[in-house]
Amino acid sequence: MEVIKLREEYIKLGQALKAAGLVENGVDAKYVITDGLVKVNGEVEVQRGKKLYAGDIVEFEGEKIKIE
């Protein structure tokens, strides 16, 4: 499980996917999110700008990201 340490209060979902290396760029992040392929805390999330806080878990293509 990839861990992303927050530098601020939150990170946006698209940025988290890029930071973890699961997508190449913001355009790819937009498409995988709007296509319903990403889950946040077990539920499908379609907002690229969804704010993630410490403790949130993101899932995409069998990979998990934990926000700390």
PDB file of N, CA and C in Angstrom:
ATOM      1  N   MET A   1       0.846  -1.186   0.000  1.00  0.00           N
ATOM      2  CA  MET A   1       0.000   0.000   0.000  1.00  0.00           C
ATOM      3  C   MET A   1       0.885   1.241   0.000  1.00  0.00           C
ATOM      4  N   GLU A   2       0.642   2.094  -0.966  1.00  0.00           N
ATOM      5  CA  GLU A   2       1.359   3.372  -1.084  1.00  0.00           C
ATOM      6  C   GLU A   2       0.851   4.328   0.015  1.00  0.00           C
ATOM      7  N   VAL A   3       1.753   5.078   0.605  1.00  0.00           N
ATOM      8  CA  VAL A   3       1.362   6.066   1.617  1.00  0.00           C
ATOM      9  C   VAL A   3       1.747   7.452   1.115  1.00  0.00           C
ATOM     10  N   ILE A   4       0.793   8.363   1.188  1.00  0.00           N
ATOM     11  CA  ILE A   4       1.056   9.752   0.821  1.00  0.00           C
ATOM     12  C   ILE A   4       0.946  10.586   2.087  1.00  0.00           C
ATOM     13  N   LYS A   5       2.029  11.262   2.427  1.00  0.00           N
ATOM     14  CA  LYS A   5       2.029  12.111   3.616  1.00  0.00           C
ATOM     15  C   LYS A   5       1.602  13.526   3.218  1.00  0.00           C
ATOM     16  N   LEU A   6       0.617  14.020   3.929  1.00  0.00           N
ATOM     17  CA  LEU A   6       0.096  15.349   3.628  1.00  0.00           C
ATOM     18  C   LEU A   6       1.082  16.429   4.047  1.00  0.00           C
ATOM     19  N   ARG A   7       1.233  17.438   3.193  1.00  0.00           N
ATOM     20  CA  ARG A   7       2.028  18.611   3.547  1.00  0.00           C
ATOM     21  C   ARG A   7       1.105  19.737   3.984  1.00  0.00           C
ATOM     22  N   GLU A   8      -0.145  19.626   3.574  1.00  0.00           N
ATOM     23  CA  GLU A   8      -1.165  20.605   3.944  1.00  0.00           C
ATOM     24  C   GLU A   8      -2.314  19.852   4.591  1.00  0.00           C
ATOM     25  N   GLU A   9      -3.452  20.511   4.759  1.00  0.00           N
ATOM     26  CA  GLU A   9      -4.597  19.894   5.428  1.00  0.00           C
ATOM     27  C   GLU A   9      -5.178  18.742   4.612  1.00  0.00           C
ATOM     28  N   TYR A  10      -5.129  18.854   3.275  1.00  0.00           N
ATOM     29  CA  TYR A  10      -5.711  17.839   2.407  1.00  0.00           C
ATOM     30  C   TYR A  10      -4.964  17.779   1.076  1.00  0.00           C
ATOM     31  N   ILE A  11      -5.279  16.743   0.296  1.00  0.00           N
ATOM     32  CA  ILE A  11      -4.797  16.633  -1.084  1.00  0.00           C
ATOM     33  C   ILE A  11      -6.006  16.256  -1.929  1.00  0.00           C
ATOM     34  N   LYS A  12      -6.059  16.753  -3.157  1.00  0.00           N
ATOM     35  CA  LYS A  12      -7.177  16.415  -4.026  1.00  0.00           C
ATOM     36  C   LYS A  12      -6.947  15.040  -4.652  1.00  0.00           C
ATOM     37  N   LEU A  13      -8.047  14.372  -4.961  1.00  0.00           N
ATOM     38  CA  LEU A  13      -7.991  13.003  -5.460  1.00  0.00           C
ATOM     39  C   LEU A  13      -7.106  12.865  -6.703  1.00  0.00           C
ATOM     40  N   GLY A  14      -7.273  13.738  -7.670  1.00  0.00           N
ATOM     41  CA  GLY A  14      -6.455  13.668  -8.883  1.00  0.00           C
ATOM     42  C   GLY A  14      -4.975  13.804  -8.583  1.00  0.00           C
ATOM     43  N   GLN A  15      -4.642  14.702  -7.660  1.00  0.00           N
ATOM     44  CA  GLN A  15      -3.245  14.906  -7.275  1.00  0.00           C
ATOM     45  C   GLN A  15      -2.685  13.670  -6.572  1.00  0.00           C
ATOM     46  N   ALA A  16      -3.517  13.026  -5.762  1.00  0.00           N
ATOM     47  CA  ALA A  16      -3.074  11.829  -5.039  1.00  0.00           C
ATOM     48  C   ALA A  16      -2.753  10.698  -6.010  1.00  0.00           C
ATOM     49  N   LEU A  17      -3.601  10.522  -7.030  1.00  0.00           N
ATOM     50  CA  LEU A  17      -3.336   9.477  -8.020  1.00  0.00           C
ATOM     51  C   LEU A  17      -2.031   9.747  -8.761  1.00  0.00           C
ATOM     52  N   LYS A  18      -1.773  11.001  -9.091  1.00  0.00           N
ATOM     53  CA  LYS A  18      -0.513  11.355  -9.767  1.00  0.00           C
ATOM     54  C   LYS A  18       0.672  11.144  -8.833  1.00  0.00           C
ATOM     55  N   ALA A  19       0.553  11.592  -7.582  1.00  0.00           N
ATOM     56  CA  ALA A  19       1.654  11.479  -6.624  1.00  0.00           C
ATOM     57  C   ALA A  19       2.036  10.020  -6.375  1.00  0.00           C
ATOM     58  N   ALA A  20       1.055   9.136  -6.412  1.00  0.00           N
ATOM     59  CA  ALA A  20       1.321   7.712  -6.187  1.00  0.00           C
ATOM     60  C   ALA A  20       1.813   7.014  -7.449  1.00  0.00           C
ATOM     61  N   GLY A  21       1.822   7.728  -8.584  1.00  0.00           N
ATOM     62  CA  GLY A  21       2.284   7.149  -9.830  1.00  0.00           C
ATOM     63  C   GLY A  21       1.281   6.216 -10.489  1.00  0.00           C
ATOM     64  N   LEU A  22       0.008   6.304 -10.099  1.00  0.00           N
ATOM     65  CA  LEU A  22      -1.010   5.427 -10.677  1.00  0.00           C
ATOM     66  C   LEU A  22      -1.549   5.949 -12.005  1.00  0.00           C
ATOM     67  N   VAL A  23      -1.364   7.244 -12.252  1.00  0.00           N
ATOM     68  CA  VAL A  23      -1.719   7.839 -13.543  1.00  0.00           C
ATOM     69  C   VAL A  23      -0.568   8.728 -13.976  1.00  0.00           C
ATOM     70  N   GLU A  24      -0.474   8.972 -15.278  1.00  0.00           N
ATOM     71  CA  GLU A  24       0.624   9.773 -15.823  1.00  0.00           C
ATOM     72  C   GLU A  24       0.449  11.267 -15.578  1.00  0.00           C
ATOM     73  N   ASN A  25      -0.810  11.732 -15.730  1.00  0.00           N
ATOM     74  CA  ASN A  25      -1.036  13.175 -15.652  1.00  0.00           C
ATOM     75  C   ASN A  25      -2.472  13.472 -15.224  1.00  0.00           C
ATOM     76  N   GLY A  26      -2.792  14.753 -15.136  1.00  0.00           N
ATOM     77  CA  GLY A  26      -4.108  15.175 -14.686  1.00  0.00           C
ATOM     78  C   GLY A  26      -5.232  14.751 -15.612  1.00  0.00           C
ATOM     79  N   VAL A  27      -4.940  14.688 -16.915  1.00  0.00           N
ATOM     80  CA  VAL A  27      -5.963  14.271 -17.882  1.00  0.00           C
ATOM     81  C   VAL A  27      -6.331  12.806 -17.641  1.00  0.00           C
ATOM     82  N   ASP A  28      -5.319  11.964 -17.457  1.00  0.00           N
ATOM     83  CA  ASP A  28      -5.583  10.550 -17.165  1.00  0.00           C
ATOM     84  C   ASP A  28      -6.370  10.412 -15.861  1.00  0.00           C
ATOM     85  N   ALA A  29      -5.988  11.187 -14.857  1.00  0.00           N
ATOM     86  CA  ALA A  29      -6.694  11.146 -13.565  1.00  0.00           C
ATOM     87  C   ALA A  29      -8.164  11.503 -13.764  1.00  0.00           C
ATOM     88  N   LYS A  30      -8.408  12.548 -14.541  1.00  0.00           N
ATOM     89  CA  LYS A  30      -9.783  12.979 -14.787  1.00  0.00           C
ATOM     90  C   LYS A  30     -10.613  11.843 -15.375  1.00  0.00           C
ATOM     91  N   TYR A  31     -10.081  11.164 -16.383  1.00  0.00           N
ATOM     92  CA  TYR A  31     -10.839  10.105 -17.048  1.00  0.00           C
ATOM     93  C   TYR A  31     -11.092   8.899 -16.149  1.00  0.00           C
ATOM     94  N   VAL A  32     -10.083   8.435 -15.416  1.00  0.00           N
ATOM     95  CA  VAL A  32     -10.311   7.256 -14.573  1.00  0.00           C
ATOM     96  C   VAL A  32     -11.280   7.572 -13.435  1.00  0.00           C
ATOM     97  N   ILE A  33     -11.261   8.820 -12.958  1.00  0.00           N
ATOM     98  CA  ILE A  33     -12.180   9.208 -11.883  1.00  0.00           C
ATOM     99  C   ILE A  33     -13.599   9.353 -12.421  1.00  0.00           C
ATOM    100  N   THR A  34     -13.765  10.097 -13.512  1.00  0.00           N
ATOM    101  CA  THR A  34     -15.118  10.304 -14.043  1.00  0.00           C
ATOM    102  C   THR A  34     -15.719   9.019 -14.611  1.00  0.00           C
ATOM    103  N   ASP A  35     -14.885   8.051 -14.990  1.00  0.00           N
ATOM    104  CA  ASP A  35     -15.388   6.758 -15.462  1.00  0.00           C
ATOM    105  C   ASP A  35     -15.780   5.833 -14.305  1.00  0.00           C
ATOM    106  N   GLY A  36     -15.614   6.305 -13.061  1.00  0.00           N
ATOM    107  CA  GLY A  36     -16.036   5.516 -11.902  1.00  0.00           C
ATOM    108  C   GLY A  36     -15.092   4.390 -11.540  1.00  0.00           C
ATOM    109  N   LEU A  37     -13.820   4.522 -11.893  1.00  0.00           N
ATOM    110  CA  LEU A  37     -12.851   3.460 -11.637  1.00  0.00           C
ATOM    111  C   LEU A  37     -12.100   3.620 -10.316  1.00  0.00           C
ATOM    112  N   VAL A  38     -12.361   4.718  -9.600  1.00  0.00           N
ATOM    113  CA  VAL A  38     -11.631   5.013  -8.363  1.00  0.00           C
ATOM    114  C   VAL A  38     -12.588   4.987  -7.178  1.00  0.00           C
ATOM    115  N   LYS A  39     -12.137   4.358  -6.101  1.00  0.00           N
ATOM    116  CA  LYS A  39     -12.936   4.340  -4.873  1.00  0.00           C
ATOM    117  C   LYS A  39     -12.196   5.099  -3.779  1.00  0.00           C
ATOM    118  N   VAL A  40     -12.963   5.814  -2.965  1.00  0.00           N
ATOM    119  CA  VAL A  40     -12.429   6.478  -1.776  1.00  0.00           C
ATOM    120  C   VAL A  40     -13.194   5.914  -0.586  1.00  0.00           C
ATOM    121  N   ASN A  41     -12.462   5.325   0.342  1.00  0.00           N
ATOM    122  CA  ASN A  41     -13.057   4.700   1.526  1.00  0.00           C
ATOM    123  C   ASN A  41     -14.152   3.705   1.146  1.00  0.00           C
ATOM    124  N   GLY A  42     -13.890   2.935   0.065  1.00  0.00           N
ATOM    125  CA  GLY A  42     -14.796   1.872  -0.325  1.00  0.00           C
ATOM    126  C   GLY A  42     -15.953   2.275  -1.223  1.00  0.00           C
ATOM    127  N   GLU A  43     -16.098   3.559  -1.525  1.00  0.00           N
ATOM    128  CA  GLU A  43     -17.202   4.014  -2.366  1.00  0.00           C
ATOM    129  C   GLU A  43     -16.670   4.696  -3.627  1.00  0.00           C
ATOM    130  N   VAL A  44     -17.339   4.454  -4.751  1.00  0.00           N
ATOM    131  CA  VAL A  44     -16.923   5.061  -6.016  1.00  0.00           C
ATOM    132  C   VAL A  44     -16.995   6.582  -5.891  1.00  0.00           C
ATOM    133  N   GLU A  45     -15.933   7.240  -6.336  1.00  0.00           N
ATOM    134  CA  GLU A  45     -15.863   8.713  -6.287  1.00  0.00           C
ATOM    135  C   GLU A  45     -15.661   9.228  -7.703  1.00  0.00           C
ATOM    136  N   VAL A  46     -16.489  10.191  -8.125  1.00  0.00           N
ATOM    137  CA  VAL A  46     -16.390  10.719  -9.487  1.00  0.00           C
ATOM    138  C   VAL A  46     -15.969  12.180  -9.525  1.00  0.00           C
ATOM    139  N   GLN A  47     -15.611  12.747  -8.383  1.00  0.00           N
ATOM    140  CA  GLN A  47     -15.153  14.138  -8.338  1.00  0.00           C
ATOM    141  C   GLN A  47     -13.623  14.175  -8.261  1.00  0.00           C
ATOM    142  N   ARG A  48     -13.003  14.708  -9.300  1.00  0.00           N
ATOM    143  CA  ARG A  48     -11.542  14.788  -9.330  1.00  0.00           C
ATOM    144  C   ARG A  48     -11.014  15.678  -8.215  1.00  0.00           C
ATOM    145  N   GLY A  49     -11.784  16.697  -7.849  1.00  0.00           N
ATOM    146  CA  GLY A  49     -11.358  17.635  -6.816  1.00  0.00           C
ATOM    147  C   GLY A  49     -11.715  17.219  -5.407  1.00  0.00           C
ATOM    148  N   LYS A  50     -12.179  15.987  -5.216  1.00  0.00           N
ATOM    149  CA  LYS A  50     -12.534  15.491  -3.885  1.00  0.00           C
ATOM    150  C   LYS A  50     -11.346  15.665  -2.959  1.00  0.00           C
ATOM    151  N   LYS A  51     -11.582  16.302  -1.813  1.00  0.00           N
ATOM    152  CA  LYS A  51     -10.508  16.533  -0.846  1.00  0.00           C
ATOM    153  C   LYS A  51     -10.301  15.277   0.001  1.00  0.00           C
ATOM    154  N   LEU A  52      -9.058  14.848   0.073  1.00  0.00           N
ATOM    155  CA  LEU A  52      -8.695  13.682   0.877  1.00  0.00           C
ATOM    156  C   LEU A  52      -7.942  14.138   2.109  1.00  0.00           C
ATOM    157  N   TYR A  53      -8.303  13.559   3.232  1.00  0.00           N
ATOM    158  CA  TYR A  53      -7.690  13.924   4.512  1.00  0.00           C
ATOM    159  C   TYR A  53      -7.003  12.702   5.109  1.00  0.00           C
ATOM    160  N   ALA A  54      -6.235  12.919   6.149  1.00  0.00           N
ATOM    161  CA  ALA A  54      -5.532  11.826   6.828  1.00  0.00           C
ATOM    162  C   ALA A  54      -6.523  10.720   7.183  1.00  0.00           C
ATOM    163  N   GLY A  55      -6.140   9.484   6.872  1.00  0.00           N
ATOM    164  CA  GLY A  55      -6.981   8.335   7.173  1.00  0.00           C
ATOM    165  C   GLY A  55      -7.776   7.831   5.981  1.00  0.00           C
ATOM    166  N   ASP A  56      -7.900   8.637   4.934  1.00  0.00           N
ATOM    167  CA  ASP A  56      -8.638   8.200   3.748  1.00  0.00           C
ATOM    168  C   ASP A  56      -7.844   7.136   2.985  1.00  0.00           C
ATOM    169  N   ILE A  57      -8.576   6.217   2.364  1.00  0.00           N
ATOM    170  CA  ILE A  57      -7.979   5.156   1.558  1.00  0.00           C
ATOM    171  C   ILE A  57      -8.537   5.266   0.137  1.00  0.00           C
ATOM    172  N   VAL A  58      -7.645   5.313  -0.852  1.00  0.00           N
ATOM    173  CA  VAL A  58      -8.026   5.391  -2.258  1.00  0.00           C
ATOM    174  C   VAL A  58      -7.685   4.060  -2.910  1.00  0.00           C
ATOM    175  N   GLU A  59      -8.598   3.532  -3.749  1.00  0.00           N
ATOM    176  CA  GLU A  59      -8.359   2.280  -4.466  1.00  0.00           C
ATOM    177  C   GLU A  59      -8.502   2.521  -5.961  1.00  0.00           C
ATOM    178  N   PHE A  60      -7.546   1.975  -6.735  1.00  0.00           N
ATOM    179  CA  PHE A  60      -7.597   2.069  -8.196  1.00  0.00           C
ATOM    180  C   PHE A  60      -6.815   0.913  -8.781  1.00  0.00           C
ATOM    181  N   GLU A  61      -7.451   0.126  -9.639  1.00  0.00           N
ATOM    182  CA  GLU A  61      -6.823  -1.019 -10.313  1.00  0.00           C
ATOM    183  C   GLU A  61      -6.084  -1.946  -9.350  1.00  0.00           C
ATOM    184  N   GLY A  62      -6.705  -2.249  -8.228  1.00  0.00           N
ATOM    185  CA  GLY A  62      -6.114  -3.166  -7.263  1.00  0.00           C
ATOM    186  C   GLY A  62      -5.046  -2.558  -6.372  1.00  0.00           C
ATOM    187  N   GLU A  63      -4.702  -1.307  -6.611  1.00  0.00           N
ATOM    188  CA  GLU A  63      -3.708  -0.614  -5.783  1.00  0.00           C
ATOM    189  C   GLU A  63      -4.430   0.234  -4.739  1.00  0.00           C
ATOM    190  N   LYS A  64      -3.814   0.378  -3.586  1.00  0.00           N
ATOM    191  CA  LYS A  64      -4.382   1.211  -2.532  1.00  0.00           C
ATOM    192  C   LYS A  64      -3.402   2.306  -2.145  1.00  0.00           C
ATOM    193  N   ILE A  65      -3.971   3.459  -1.836  1.00  0.00           N
ATOM    194  CA  ILE A  65      -3.185   4.602  -1.353  1.00  0.00           C
ATOM    195  C   ILE A  65      -3.771   5.002  -0.017  1.00  0.00           C
ATOM    196  N   LYS A  66      -2.907   5.152   0.980  1.00  0.00           N
ATOM    197  CA  LYS A  66      -3.356   5.636   2.291  1.00  0.00           C
ATOM    198  C   LYS A  66      -2.862   7.062   2.457  1.00  0.00           C
ATOM    199  N   ILE A  67      -3.768   7.938   2.875  1.00  0.00           N
ATOM    200  CA  ILE A  67      -3.421   9.328   3.095  1.00  0.00           C
ATOM    201  C   ILE A  67      -3.079   9.501   4.574  1.00  0.00           C
ATOM    202  N   GLU A  68      -1.909  10.082   4.838  1.00  0.00           N
ATOM    203  CA  GLU A  68      -1.491  10.314   6.239  1.00  0.00           C
ATOM    204  C   GLU A  68      -1.113  11.753   6.437  1.00  0.00           C
TER     205      GLU A  68
END
